[in-house]
Amino acid sequence: MPELQHSIKRQRKYLLYLLAIFVLGWGFTSAQAIYAGLVLGTSLSLYNHWIISKRIERFSKAVEEGRKIPSLGTILRMGSAALAAMIALQNPDQFHLISTVIGLMTAYAVIMIDFGIQHFIKRTNGKER
């Protein structure tokens, strides 16, 4: 479990770095609608990442204690994605819809890239065969 918590913190840090880059892009480029969509989507993606990490903690505790397994918060994550889409559709001059959707997927991309990097590091250090 400590390894999982460490990877979640690392992924959250990467998401915050990406969010900072998108905010800088919004502030300093002429493609403000695109970067605003990325900021909106990535913000809600970070929220979804936080939800799933808390739910995974509860899930693992329930399994350890032999209790009923709680939900992983799918409805909350779908609702936040719908909220982002509604905001982008209501304000098309301020938020680019496609970049909002890409922003919503950033947490999943960060998780996959982080997993690949960590797997590669473990293989090169000889900890995994």
N, C-alpha and C. Protein backbone atom coordinates (compact mmCIF):
# COMPACT_ATOMS: atom_id res chain seq x y z
N MET A 1 0.80 -1.21 0.00
CA MET A 1 0.00 0.00 0.00
C MET A 1 0.85 1.27 0.00
N PRO A 2 1.97 1.30 0.72
CA PRO A 2 2.78 2.53 0.67
C PRO A 2 3.26 2.84 -0.75
N GLU A 3 3.55 1.81 -1.55
CA GLU A 3 3.99 2.05 -2.92
C GLU A 3 2.86 2.68 -3.73
N LEU A 4 1.63 2.24 -3.49
CA LEU A 4 0.49 2.82 -4.19
C LEU A 4 0.31 4.28 -3.80
N GLN A 5 0.41 4.58 -2.52
CA GLN A 5 0.28 5.97 -2.06
C GLN A 5 1.39 6.85 -2.65
N HIS A 6 2.58 6.30 -2.75
CA HIS A 6 3.69 7.05 -3.33
C HIS A 6 3.43 7.35 -4.80
N SER A 7 2.94 6.36 -5.53
CA SER A 7 2.67 6.60 -6.95
C SER A 7 1.51 7.57 -7.15
N ILE A 8 0.51 7.53 -6.29
CA ILE A 8 -0.61 8.47 -6.39
C ILE A 8 -0.12 9.90 -6.15
N LYS A 9 0.72 10.08 -5.14
CA LYS A 9 1.28 11.42 -4.87
C LYS A 9 2.12 11.90 -6.04
N ARG A 10 2.91 11.00 -6.61
CA ARG A 10 3.76 11.37 -7.74
C ARG A 10 2.89 11.77 -8.95
N GLN A 11 1.85 11.01 -9.21
CA GLN A 11 0.95 11.32 -10.33
C GLN A 11 0.23 12.64 -10.09
N ARG A 12 -0.18 12.89 -8.86
CA ARG A 12 -0.85 14.16 -8.55
C ARG A 12 0.10 15.33 -8.78
N LYS A 13 1.36 15.14 -8.43
CA LYS A 13 2.36 16.18 -8.65
C LYS A 13 2.53 16.45 -10.15
N TYR A 14 2.58 15.40 -10.96
CA TYR A 14 2.68 15.57 -12.41
C TYR A 14 1.47 16.31 -12.97
N LEU A 15 0.29 15.98 -12.46
CA LEU A 15 -0.91 16.67 -12.92
C LEU A 15 -0.88 18.15 -12.57
N LEU A 16 -0.38 18.48 -11.39
CA LEU A 16 -0.27 19.88 -11.00
C LEU A 16 0.74 20.62 -11.88
N TYR A 17 1.84 19.95 -12.24
CA TYR A 17 2.80 20.56 -13.16
C TYR A 17 2.15 20.82 -14.52
N LEU A 18 1.42 19.84 -15.03
CA LEU A 18 0.73 20.03 -16.31
C LEU A 18 -0.27 21.17 -16.23
N LEU A 19 -1.00 21.23 -15.14
CA LEU A 19 -1.97 22.29 -14.95
C LEU A 19 -1.28 23.65 -14.95
N ALA A 20 -0.14 23.75 -14.30
CA ALA A 20 0.62 25.01 -14.27
C ALA A 20 1.09 25.39 -15.68
N ILE A 21 1.53 24.41 -16.46
CA ILE A 21 1.95 24.68 -17.84
C ILE A 21 0.77 25.18 -18.66
N PHE A 22 -0.40 24.56 -18.47
CA PHE A 22 -1.59 24.98 -19.22
C PHE A 22 -2.02 26.39 -18.82
N VAL A 23 -1.91 26.72 -17.54
CA VAL A 23 -2.26 28.07 -17.09
C VAL A 23 -1.30 29.09 -17.71
N LEU A 24 -0.03 28.75 -17.76
CA LEU A 24 0.94 29.64 -18.41
C LEU A 24 0.63 29.78 -19.89
N GLY A 25 0.25 28.69 -20.54
CA GLY A 25 -0.13 28.76 -21.94
C GLY A 25 -1.35 29.64 -22.15
N TRP A 26 -2.30 29.55 -21.24
CA TRP A 26 -3.49 30.39 -21.31
C TRP A 26 -3.13 31.86 -21.15
N GLY A 27 -2.20 32.14 -20.26
CA GLY A 27 -1.86 33.52 -19.98
C GLY A 27 -0.94 34.17 -21.00
N PHE A 28 -0.12 33.38 -21.67
CA PHE A 28 0.91 33.97 -22.52
C PHE A 28 0.80 33.65 -24.00
N THR A 29 -0.23 32.95 -24.42
CA THR A 29 -0.38 32.66 -25.85
C THR A 29 -1.69 33.25 -26.37
N SER A 30 -1.84 33.20 -27.67
CA SER A 30 -3.07 33.71 -28.27
C SER A 30 -4.15 32.63 -28.34
N ALA A 31 -3.81 31.39 -28.04
CA ALA A 31 -4.77 30.29 -28.08
C ALA A 31 -5.42 30.12 -26.71
N GLN A 32 -6.04 31.17 -26.23
CA GLN A 32 -6.59 31.15 -24.87
C GLN A 32 -7.74 30.17 -24.71
N ALA A 33 -8.59 30.02 -25.70
CA ALA A 33 -9.72 29.10 -25.59
C ALA A 33 -9.23 27.65 -25.48
N ILE A 34 -8.19 27.33 -26.23
CA ILE A 34 -7.65 25.96 -26.18
C ILE A 34 -7.05 25.69 -24.80
N TYR A 35 -6.23 26.61 -24.31
CA TYR A 35 -5.62 26.41 -23.00
C TYR A 35 -6.64 26.49 -21.87
N ALA A 36 -7.67 27.30 -22.03
CA ALA A 36 -8.73 27.35 -21.01
C ALA A 36 -9.45 26.01 -20.96
N GLY A 37 -9.69 25.40 -22.11
CA GLY A 37 -10.28 24.07 -22.15
C GLY A 37 -9.39 23.04 -21.49
N LEU A 38 -8.09 23.13 -21.74
CA LEU A 38 -7.14 22.21 -21.10
C LEU A 38 -7.12 22.41 -19.59
N VAL A 39 -7.18 23.66 -19.15
CA VAL A 39 -7.19 23.95 -17.71
C VAL A 39 -8.47 23.39 -17.08
N LEU A 40 -9.60 23.63 -17.72
CA LEU A 40 -10.88 23.13 -17.20
C LEU A 40 -10.87 21.61 -17.12
N GLY A 41 -10.50 20.96 -18.22
CA GLY A 41 -10.49 19.50 -18.25
C GLY A 41 -9.49 18.90 -17.29
N THR A 42 -8.30 19.48 -17.22
CA THR A 42 -7.27 18.94 -16.33
C THR A 42 -7.63 19.17 -14.86
N SER A 43 -8.27 20.28 -14.56
CA SER A 43 -8.71 20.53 -13.18
C SER A 43 -9.70 19.46 -12.74
N LEU A 44 -10.66 19.18 -13.60
CA LEU A 44 -11.64 18.14 -13.24
C LEU A 44 -11.02 16.75 -13.31
N SER A 45 -10.02 16.57 -14.15
CA SER A 45 -9.30 15.30 -14.18
C SER A 45 -8.52 15.09 -12.88
N LEU A 46 -7.94 16.16 -12.36
CA LEU A 46 -7.26 16.09 -11.06
C LEU A 46 -8.26 15.76 -9.95
N TYR A 47 -9.44 16.35 -10.02
CA TYR A 47 -10.51 16.04 -9.07
C TYR A 47 -10.89 14.56 -9.17
N ASN A 48 -11.03 14.06 -10.39
CA ASN A 48 -11.36 12.64 -10.59
C ASN A 48 -10.26 11.73 -10.04
N HIS A 49 -9.01 12.15 -10.23
CA HIS A 49 -7.88 11.37 -9.71
C HIS A 49 -7.94 11.33 -8.18
N TRP A 50 -8.28 12.46 -7.58
CA TRP A 50 -8.39 12.51 -6.13
C TRP A 50 -9.52 11.59 -5.65
N ILE A 51 -10.66 11.63 -6.35
CA ILE A 51 -11.79 10.77 -5.98
C ILE A 51 -11.39 9.31 -6.04
N ILE A 52 -10.79 8.89 -7.15
CA ILE A 52 -10.46 7.48 -7.31
C ILE A 52 -9.39 7.05 -6.30
N SER A 53 -8.47 7.94 -5.95
CA SER A 53 -7.46 7.56 -4.96
C SER A 53 -8.08 7.36 -3.58
N LYS A 54 -9.02 8.22 -3.21
CA LYS A 54 -9.69 8.04 -1.92
C LYS A 54 -10.56 6.79 -1.92
N ARG A 55 -11.21 6.53 -3.02
CA ARG A 55 -12.05 5.33 -3.11
C ARG A 55 -11.22 4.05 -3.11
N ILE A 56 -10.04 4.09 -3.70
CA ILE A 56 -9.17 2.92 -3.68
C ILE A 56 -8.69 2.63 -2.26
N GLU A 57 -8.41 3.68 -1.49
CA GLU A 57 -8.03 3.49 -0.09
C GLU A 57 -9.15 2.80 0.68
N ARG A 58 -10.38 3.30 0.50
CA ARG A 58 -11.53 2.68 1.18
C ARG A 58 -11.76 1.26 0.71
N PHE A 59 -11.57 1.03 -0.59
CA PHE A 59 -11.74 -0.29 -1.18
C PHE A 59 -10.76 -1.29 -0.56
N SER A 60 -9.49 -0.89 -0.46
CA SER A 60 -8.49 -1.81 0.08
C SER A 60 -8.71 -2.07 1.57
N LYS A 61 -9.15 -1.05 2.33
CA LYS A 61 -9.47 -1.26 3.75
C LYS A 61 -10.63 -2.24 3.90
N ALA A 62 -11.64 -2.09 3.07
CA ALA A 62 -12.79 -2.98 3.14
C ALA A 62 -12.40 -4.42 2.82
N VAL A 63 -11.52 -4.60 1.86
CA VAL A 63 -11.07 -5.95 1.51
C VAL A 63 -10.26 -6.54 2.65
N GLU A 64 -9.38 -5.75 3.26
CA GLU A 64 -8.57 -6.24 4.38
C GLU A 64 -9.44 -6.64 5.57
N GLU A 65 -10.49 -5.86 5.83
CA GLU A 65 -11.34 -6.12 6.99
C GLU A 65 -12.48 -7.08 6.68
N GLY A 66 -12.62 -7.50 5.45
CA GLY A 66 -13.66 -8.44 5.06
C GLY A 66 -15.05 -7.84 5.00
N ARG A 67 -15.12 -6.51 4.88
CA ARG A 67 -16.41 -5.84 4.80
C ARG A 67 -16.90 -5.80 3.36
N LYS A 68 -18.12 -5.30 3.22
CA LYS A 68 -18.69 -5.10 1.89
C LYS A 68 -17.85 -4.06 1.14
N ILE A 69 -17.62 -4.31 -0.12
CA ILE A 69 -16.76 -3.45 -0.92
C ILE A 69 -17.57 -2.26 -1.44
N PRO A 70 -17.11 -1.02 -1.13
CA PRO A 70 -17.84 0.17 -1.58
C PRO A 70 -17.62 0.45 -3.06
N SER A 71 -18.40 1.36 -3.58
CA SER A 71 -18.29 1.77 -4.98
C SER A 71 -17.02 2.57 -5.19
N LEU A 72 -16.57 2.65 -6.43
CA LEU A 72 -15.36 3.41 -6.74
C LEU A 72 -15.65 4.81 -7.24
N GLY A 73 -16.88 5.29 -7.14
CA GLY A 73 -17.21 6.67 -7.47
C GLY A 73 -17.37 6.95 -8.95
N THR A 74 -17.83 5.97 -9.69
CA THR A 74 -17.98 6.14 -11.14
C THR A 74 -18.96 7.26 -11.47
N ILE A 75 -20.06 7.34 -10.74
CA ILE A 75 -21.08 8.36 -11.02
C ILE A 75 -20.52 9.76 -10.80
N LEU A 76 -19.73 9.94 -9.72
CA LEU A 76 -19.12 11.25 -9.47
C LEU A 76 -18.16 11.65 -10.59
N ARG A 77 -17.36 10.69 -11.06
CA ARG A 77 -16.40 10.99 -12.12
C ARG A 77 -17.11 11.27 -13.44
N MET A 78 -18.17 10.53 -13.73
CA MET A 78 -18.95 10.80 -14.94
C MET A 78 -19.63 12.17 -14.85
N GLY A 79 -20.12 12.49 -13.67
CA GLY A 79 -20.76 13.78 -13.47
C GLY A 79 -19.81 14.93 -13.67
N SER A 80 -18.58 14.79 -13.21
CA SER A 80 -17.62 15.88 -13.40
C SER A 80 -17.25 16.01 -14.88
N ALA A 81 -17.19 14.91 -15.61
CA ALA A 81 -16.93 14.98 -17.05
C ALA A 81 -18.10 15.66 -17.76
N ALA A 82 -19.32 15.34 -17.35
CA ALA A 82 -20.49 15.99 -17.94
C ALA A 82 -20.50 17.48 -17.62
N LEU A 83 -20.11 17.83 -16.40
CA LEU A 83 -20.03 19.24 -16.02
C LEU A 83 -19.04 19.99 -16.91
N ALA A 84 -17.87 19.40 -17.14
CA ALA A 84 -16.87 20.04 -17.99
C ALA A 84 -17.40 20.22 -19.41
N ALA A 85 -18.07 19.20 -19.92
CA ALA A 85 -18.63 19.30 -21.28
C ALA A 85 -19.72 20.37 -21.34
N MET A 86 -20.55 20.44 -20.31
CA MET A 86 -21.61 21.46 -20.30
C MET A 86 -21.01 22.87 -20.25
N ILE A 87 -19.99 23.06 -19.44
CA ILE A 87 -19.36 24.37 -19.35
C ILE A 87 -18.74 24.75 -20.69
N ALA A 88 -18.06 23.79 -21.32
CA ALA A 88 -17.42 24.08 -22.61
C ALA A 88 -18.47 24.33 -23.70
N LEU A 89 -19.58 23.61 -23.66
CA LEU A 89 -20.63 23.81 -24.67
C LEU A 89 -21.39 25.12 -24.45
N GLN A 90 -21.54 25.54 -23.21
CA GLN A 90 -22.24 26.79 -22.92
C GLN A 90 -21.39 28.02 -23.25
N ASN A 91 -20.07 27.85 -23.21
CA ASN A 91 -19.15 28.97 -23.44
C ASN A 91 -18.13 28.60 -24.51
N PRO A 92 -18.56 28.40 -25.76
CA PRO A 92 -17.62 27.96 -26.79
C PRO A 92 -16.56 29.01 -27.16
N ASP A 93 -16.83 30.27 -26.88
CA ASP A 93 -15.84 31.30 -27.17
C ASP A 93 -14.72 31.33 -26.12
N GLN A 94 -14.98 30.77 -24.93
CA GLN A 94 -13.97 30.77 -23.87
C GLN A 94 -13.29 29.42 -23.69
N PHE A 95 -13.99 28.32 -23.99
CA PHE A 95 -13.46 26.97 -23.78
C PHE A 95 -13.59 26.16 -25.06
N HIS A 96 -12.48 25.61 -25.51
CA HIS A 96 -12.47 24.75 -26.68
C HIS A 96 -12.89 23.35 -26.23
N LEU A 97 -13.93 22.79 -26.85
CA LEU A 97 -14.51 21.52 -26.40
C LEU A 97 -13.52 20.36 -26.51
N ILE A 98 -12.83 20.25 -27.62
CA ILE A 98 -11.89 19.14 -27.80
C ILE A 98 -10.75 19.20 -26.79
N SER A 99 -10.24 20.39 -26.53
CA SER A 99 -9.16 20.49 -25.55
C SER A 99 -9.68 20.22 -24.13
N THR A 100 -10.96 20.50 -23.88
CA THR A 100 -11.55 20.15 -22.59
C THR A 100 -11.59 18.64 -22.43
N VAL A 101 -11.98 17.93 -23.47
CA VAL A 101 -12.02 16.47 -23.42
C VAL A 101 -10.61 15.90 -23.27
N ILE A 102 -9.65 16.47 -23.98
CA ILE A 102 -8.26 16.04 -23.82
C ILE A 102 -7.79 16.29 -22.39
N GLY A 103 -8.15 17.42 -21.82
CA GLY A 103 -7.81 17.71 -20.43
C GLY A 103 -8.42 16.71 -19.46
N LEU A 104 -9.65 16.28 -19.75
CA LEU A 104 -10.29 15.28 -18.89
C LEU A 104 -9.53 13.95 -18.92
N MET A 105 -8.84 13.67 -20.00
CA MET A 105 -8.12 12.40 -20.12
C MET A 105 -6.69 12.48 -19.59
N THR A 106 -6.23 13.64 -19.17
CA THR A 106 -4.82 13.78 -18.78
C THR A 106 -4.44 12.91 -17.59
N ALA A 107 -5.33 12.75 -16.62
CA ALA A 107 -4.99 11.92 -15.46
C ALA A 107 -4.75 10.48 -15.89
N TYR A 108 -5.55 9.98 -16.80
CA TYR A 108 -5.37 8.61 -17.25
C TYR A 108 -4.09 8.46 -18.05
N ALA A 109 -3.75 9.47 -18.86
CA ALA A 109 -2.49 9.44 -19.60
C ALA A 109 -1.30 9.49 -18.64
N VAL A 110 -1.40 10.34 -17.61
CA VAL A 110 -0.32 10.44 -16.63
C VAL A 110 -0.15 9.12 -15.89
N ILE A 111 -1.24 8.47 -15.53
CA ILE A 111 -1.17 7.19 -14.83
C ILE A 111 -0.47 6.15 -15.71
N MET A 112 -0.84 6.08 -16.98
CA MET A 112 -0.23 5.09 -17.88
C MET A 112 1.24 5.38 -18.13
N ILE A 113 1.58 6.64 -18.35
CA ILE A 113 2.98 7.00 -18.58
C ILE A 113 3.81 6.74 -17.33
N ASP A 114 3.28 7.09 -16.16
CA ASP A 114 3.99 6.86 -14.90
C ASP A 114 4.21 5.37 -14.67
N PHE A 115 3.19 4.57 -14.95
CA PHE A 115 3.33 3.12 -14.80
C PHE A 115 4.42 2.59 -15.72
N GLY A 116 4.43 3.04 -16.97
CA GLY A 116 5.45 2.59 -17.92
C GLY A 116 6.85 2.97 -17.48
N ILE A 117 7.01 4.19 -17.00
CA ILE A 117 8.33 4.65 -16.55
C ILE A 117 8.78 3.86 -15.33
N GLN A 118 7.89 3.67 -14.37
CA GLN A 118 8.25 2.92 -13.16
C GLN A 118 8.56 1.46 -13.48
N HIS A 119 7.82 0.88 -14.40
CA HIS A 119 8.07 -0.50 -14.82
C HIS A 119 9.45 -0.61 -15.48
N PHE A 120 9.77 0.37 -16.33
CA PHE A 120 11.08 0.39 -16.99
C PHE A 120 12.20 0.54 -15.98
N ILE A 121 12.01 1.42 -15.00
CA ILE A 121 13.03 1.63 -13.97
C ILE A 121 13.24 0.36 -13.16
N LYS A 122 12.16 -0.32 -12.80
CA LYS A 122 12.29 -1.56 -12.03
C LYS A 122 13.00 -2.64 -12.83
N ARG A 123 12.70 -2.72 -14.11
CA ARG A 123 13.36 -3.74 -14.96
C ARG A 123 14.83 -3.44 -15.13
N THR A 124 15.19 -2.18 -15.29
CA THR A 124 16.61 -1.87 -15.48
C THR A 124 17.41 -2.01 -14.20
N ASN A 125 16.76 -1.86 -13.04
CA ASN A 125 17.44 -2.04 -11.76
C ASN A 125 17.48 -3.50 -11.35
N GLY A 126 16.81 -4.38 -12.09
CA GLY A 126 16.82 -5.79 -11.78
C GLY A 126 15.87 -6.20 -10.69
N LYS A 127 14.93 -5.35 -10.32
CA LYS A 127 13.98 -5.69 -9.24
C LYS A 127 12.81 -6.51 -9.76
N GLU A 128 12.67 -6.60 -11.07
CA GLU A 128 11.54 -7.34 -11.63
C GLU A 128 12.04 -8.15 -12.81
N ARG A 129 11.57 -9.34 -12.94
CA ARG A 129 11.95 -10.19 -14.07
C ARG A 129 10.74 -10.75 -14.71
